[in-house]
Amino acid sequence: MGKLVLTTFISLDGVHQAPGGPREDTRDGFEQGGWSVPYGDEDFGRFVDEVFGRVGAFLLGRRTYDIFASYWPKMTDPADPVASKLNGLPKFVASTTLTDPGWAGTTVLGGDLAKEVTALKERTDGELQVHGSGALAGSLLALDLVDSVRTSCERAENTSGFPVNSTALSLTCHCLRASS
């Protein structure tokens, strides 16, 4: 049985919106997308390698799915640990509006979230990973389906954008490992 693990990147001021690119999520005029990129050092690389080394399948919210599906299928280097996992492993997207996912290996979950995710956990070897997907993460936490939360807190300060607590993803955290 797999474990459901939330993975998110958070700035010092608690923003989790658009860490990867300038056009990733511009809702409400957010112009600081890609804020985590300058912090992509060797420690960050090891963190990413560890995360993707444990994955058995992905569970994404609709917005994160759309962002990922517009980028990752174009990344085809088999040596890329992120692209190879995202393109090669099963992906599940929680959505009541998506009917025809274009990204290979994607299944839409449109029914009872608790039942469907519980069944996914039971048949997944390794981690069932949720990346980003703030609204979905909040729902999964409320349903008590989350086994672990993994965050990378970066030194960036955004001063705007969607904060973690705007999506019901409010947590009490204990630092298990820190690097600078």
Foldseek 3Di string as FASTA:
>chain_A
DAAEEEEFEAEPVFFGPQCCDQVLDCPPNQRCHVVCVVVCDPVVVVVVCVVLVFDQEEEEEPSVLVSCLVPLVVDDPCVPSVSVSVLPHAYEYEDCPDDDDPRPRYDYDDPDVVVVVVVVRVPTHGHHYYYRRLLVLLVCVVVVRHDYYHYHYDHDDRVDHDGSVVNNNDDDDDDPDDDD
